[in-house]
Amino acid sequence: MSMKLSTRQVDGVTIVDCSGRITLGEGSVMMRDTVRDLLSKGNKKIILNLGDVNYIDSSGIGELVSAFTTTKNQGGELKLLHLTKKVHDLLQITKLYTVFDVKDDEAAAVKSFK
């Protein structure tokens, strides 16, 4: 199953619903393009909803970091929502869990933007 992305707006925050696999190639490129596109249109408050992501590899993790950094460099904020146990564990192992602002509740995540 390849990756699917869809975006929606909630109270000025853009939520990117991701499903499938974030892996080297298509998945990571799609995510990069989506985030860049959002930033270029002035959407600086981004939540990546990873609840339906069933697999992520190291390049996918790299892409999350890259999305986070790119957003931050452009004066925006990027948060992660609904991590599956697999993704959560991978972020813990790679010591990247603390880099991200990770939320479990969508409404709280939306409110948490400054």
C-alpha atoms as a PDB file:
ATOM      1  CA  MET A   1       0.000   0.000   0.000  1.00  0.00           C
ATOM      2  CA  SER A   2       1.436   3.349  -0.929  1.00  0.00           C
ATOM      3  CA  MET A   3       1.084   6.492   1.080  1.00  0.00           C
ATOM      4  CA  LYS A   4      -1.942   8.766   0.967  1.00  0.00           C
ATOM      5  CA  LEU A   5      -2.038  12.334   2.192  1.00  0.00           C
ATOM      6  CA  SER A   6      -4.952  14.656   2.593  1.00  0.00           C
ATOM      7  CA  THR A   7      -5.042  18.083   4.172  1.00  0.00           C
ATOM      8  CA  ARG A   8      -7.768  19.903   6.034  1.00  0.00           C
ATOM      9  CA  GLN A   9      -8.002  23.152   7.949  1.00  0.00           C
ATOM     10  CA  VAL A  10      -9.144  23.411  11.558  1.00  0.00           C
ATOM     11  CA  ASP A  11      -9.119  26.849  13.215  1.00  0.00           C
ATOM     12  CA  GLY A  12      -6.244  28.130  11.093  1.00  0.00           C
ATOM     13  CA  VAL A  13      -4.200  24.980  11.579  1.00  0.00           C
ATOM     14  CA  THR A  14      -3.489  22.637   8.684  1.00  0.00           C
ATOM     15  CA  ILE A  15      -3.857  18.971   9.515  1.00  0.00           C
ATOM     16  CA  VAL A  16      -2.186  16.551   7.143  1.00  0.00           C
ATOM     17  CA  ASP A  17      -3.782  13.127   7.482  1.00  0.00           C
ATOM     18  CA  CYS A  18      -1.202  10.529   6.471  1.00  0.00           C
ATOM     19  CA  SER A  19      -1.933   6.883   5.849  1.00  0.00           C
ATOM     20  CA  GLY A  20       0.102   3.975   4.587  1.00  0.00           C
ATOM     21  CA  ARG A  21       3.876   3.835   4.536  1.00  0.00           C
ATOM     22  CA  ILE A  22       6.390   6.648   4.858  1.00  0.00           C
ATOM     23  CA  THR A  23       9.418   5.125   3.205  1.00  0.00           C
ATOM     24  CA  LEU A  24      12.303   5.972   0.921  1.00  0.00           C
ATOM     25  CA  GLY A  25      10.973   7.194  -2.398  1.00  0.00           C
ATOM     26  CA  GLU A  26       7.353   8.045  -3.007  1.00  0.00           C
ATOM     27  CA  GLY A  27       6.160   8.392   0.598  1.00  0.00           C
ATOM     28  CA  SER A  28       8.914  10.676   1.779  1.00  0.00           C
ATOM     29  CA  VAL A  29       8.867  12.802  -1.379  1.00  0.00           C
ATOM     30  CA  MET A  30       5.105  13.243  -1.086  1.00  0.00           C
ATOM     31  CA  MET A  31       5.427  14.430   2.485  1.00  0.00           C
ATOM     32  CA  ARG A  32       8.246  16.832   1.633  1.00  0.00           C
ATOM     33  CA  ASP A  33       6.279  18.327  -1.273  1.00  0.00           C
ATOM     34  CA  THR A  34       3.123  18.681   0.815  1.00  0.00           C
ATOM     35  CA  VAL A  35       4.903  20.508   3.644  1.00  0.00           C
ATOM     36  CA  ARG A  36       6.778  22.797   1.248  1.00  0.00           C
ATOM     37  CA  ASP A  37       3.574  23.551  -0.595  1.00  0.00           C
ATOM     38  CA  LEU A  38       1.753  24.441   2.618  1.00  0.00           C
ATOM     39  CA  LEU A  39       4.577  26.724   3.755  1.00  0.00           C
ATOM     40  CA  SER A  40       4.752  28.450   0.379  1.00  0.00           C
ATOM     41  CA  LYS A  41       1.047  29.269   0.735  1.00  0.00           C
ATOM     42  CA  GLY A  42       1.591  30.738   4.174  1.00  0.00           C
ATOM     43  CA  ASN A  43       0.274  27.820   6.202  1.00  0.00           C
ATOM     44  CA  LYS A  44       2.721  27.869   9.109  1.00  0.00           C
ATOM     45  CA  LYS A  45       0.790  25.806  11.632  1.00  0.00           C
ATOM     46  CA  ILE A  46       1.004  22.182  10.602  1.00  0.00           C
ATOM     47  CA  ILE A  47      -0.033  18.948  12.278  1.00  0.00           C
ATOM     48  CA  LEU A  48       1.005  15.642  10.777  1.00  0.00           C
ATOM     49  CA  ASN A  49      -1.602  13.084  11.777  1.00  0.00           C
ATOM     50  CA  LEU A  50       0.232   9.765  11.682  1.00  0.00           C
ATOM     51  CA  GLY A  51      -2.554   7.620  13.144  1.00  0.00           C
ATOM     52  CA  ASP A  52      -2.941   5.551   9.970  1.00  0.00           C
ATOM     53  CA  VAL A  53       0.747   5.227   9.171  1.00  0.00           C
ATOM     54  CA  ASN A  54       1.439   1.513   9.447  1.00  0.00           C
ATOM     55  CA  TYR A  55       5.116   1.601   8.549  1.00  0.00           C
ATOM     56  CA  ILE A  56       7.930   4.118   8.558  1.00  0.00           C
ATOM     57  CA  ASP A  57      11.576   3.513   7.748  1.00  0.00           C
ATOM     58  CA  SER A  58      14.665   5.537   8.586  1.00  0.00           C
ATOM     59  CA  SER A  59      14.254   7.744   5.520  1.00  0.00           C
ATOM     60  CA  GLY A  60      10.666   8.382   6.599  1.00  0.00           C
ATOM     61  CA  ILE A  61      11.925   9.418  10.026  1.00  0.00           C
ATOM     62  CA  GLY A  62      14.476  11.628   8.278  1.00  0.00           C
ATOM     63  CA  GLU A  63      11.645  13.196   6.310  1.00  0.00           C
ATOM     64  CA  LEU A  64       9.727  13.996   9.515  1.00  0.00           C
ATOM     65  CA  VAL A  65      12.816  15.714  10.902  1.00  0.00           C
ATOM     66  CA  SER A  66      13.310  17.571   7.646  1.00  0.00           C
ATOM     67  CA  ALA A  67       9.654  18.702   7.604  1.00  0.00           C
ATOM     68  CA  PHE A  68       9.998  19.874  11.194  1.00  0.00           C
ATOM     69  CA  THR A  69      13.217  21.795  10.471  1.00  0.00           C
ATOM     70  CA  THR A  70      11.935  23.357   7.246  1.00  0.00           C
ATOM     71  CA  THR A  71       8.773  24.535   8.998  1.00  0.00           C
ATOM     72  CA  LYS A  72      10.723  25.953  11.932  1.00  0.00           C
ATOM     73  CA  ASN A  73      13.158  27.760   9.620  1.00  0.00           C
ATOM     74  CA  GLN A  74      10.212  29.464   7.957  1.00  0.00           C
ATOM     75  CA  GLY A  75       8.826  30.663  11.274  1.00  0.00           C
ATOM     76  CA  GLY A  76       6.223  27.936  11.539  1.00  0.00           C
ATOM     77  CA  GLU A  77       5.438  25.099  13.882  1.00  0.00           C
ATOM     78  CA  LEU A  78       4.972  21.445  13.071  1.00  0.00           C
ATOM     79  CA  LYS A  79       3.500  18.917  15.488  1.00  0.00           C
ATOM     80  CA  LEU A  80       2.873  15.203  15.334  1.00  0.00           C
ATOM     81  CA  LEU A  81      -0.448  13.619  16.207  1.00  0.00           C
ATOM     82  CA  HIS A  82      -1.614  10.069  16.950  1.00  0.00           C
ATOM     83  CA  LEU A  83       1.630   8.148  16.752  1.00  0.00           C
ATOM     84  CA  THR A  84       1.177   4.410  16.419  1.00  0.00           C
ATOM     85  CA  LYS A  85       3.207   2.319  18.833  1.00  0.00           C
ATOM     86  CA  LYS A  86       5.605   1.385  16.043  1.00  0.00           C
ATOM     87  CA  VAL A  87       6.343   5.001  15.086  1.00  0.00           C
ATOM     88  CA  HIS A  88       6.490   6.074  18.731  1.00  0.00           C
ATOM     89  CA  ASP A  89       9.025   3.349  19.540  1.00  0.00           C
ATOM     90  CA  LEU A  90      11.139   4.219  16.513  1.00  0.00           C
ATOM     91  CA  LEU A  91      11.260   7.881  17.555  1.00  0.00           C
ATOM     92  CA  GLN A  92      12.239   6.823  21.084  1.00  0.00           C
ATOM     93  CA  ILE A  93      15.027   4.544  19.813  1.00  0.00           C
ATOM     94  CA  THR A  94      16.415   7.237  17.524  1.00  0.00           C
ATOM     95  CA  LYS A  95      16.233   9.790  20.381  1.00  0.00           C
ATOM     96  CA  LEU A  96      14.072  12.022  18.193  1.00  0.00           C
ATOM     97  CA  TYR A  97      10.945  11.778  20.303  1.00  0.00           C
ATOM     98  CA  THR A  98      11.984  14.838  22.329  1.00  0.00           C
ATOM     99  CA  VAL A  99      12.618  16.892  19.182  1.00  0.00           C
ATOM    100  CA  PHE A 100       8.961  16.809  18.207  1.00  0.00           C
ATOM    101  CA  ASP A 101       5.902  18.183  19.908  1.00  0.00           C
ATOM    102  CA  VAL A 102       3.791  15.031  19.998  1.00  0.00           C
ATOM    103  CA  LYS A 103       0.068  15.112  20.782  1.00  0.00           C
ATOM    104  CA  ASP A 104      -2.557  12.425  21.311  1.00  0.00           C
ATOM    105  CA  ASP A 105      -5.633  14.596  21.049  1.00  0.00           C
ATOM    106  CA  GLU A 106      -6.484  16.571  17.927  1.00  0.00           C
ATOM    107  CA  ALA A 107      -8.441  19.365  19.601  1.00  0.00           C
ATOM    108  CA  ALA A 108      -5.659  19.878  22.160  1.00  0.00           C
ATOM    109  CA  ALA A 109      -3.063  19.825  19.384  1.00  0.00           C
ATOM    110  CA  VAL A 110      -4.925  22.535  17.453  1.00  0.00           C
ATOM    111  CA  LYS A 111      -5.242  24.692  20.592  1.00  0.00           C
ATOM    112  CA  SER A 112      -1.572  24.264  21.431  1.00  0.00           C
ATOM    113  CA  PHE A 113      -0.377  26.547  18.631  1.00  0.00           C
ATOM    114  CA  LYS A 114       0.642  30.018  19.745  1.00  0.00           C
END
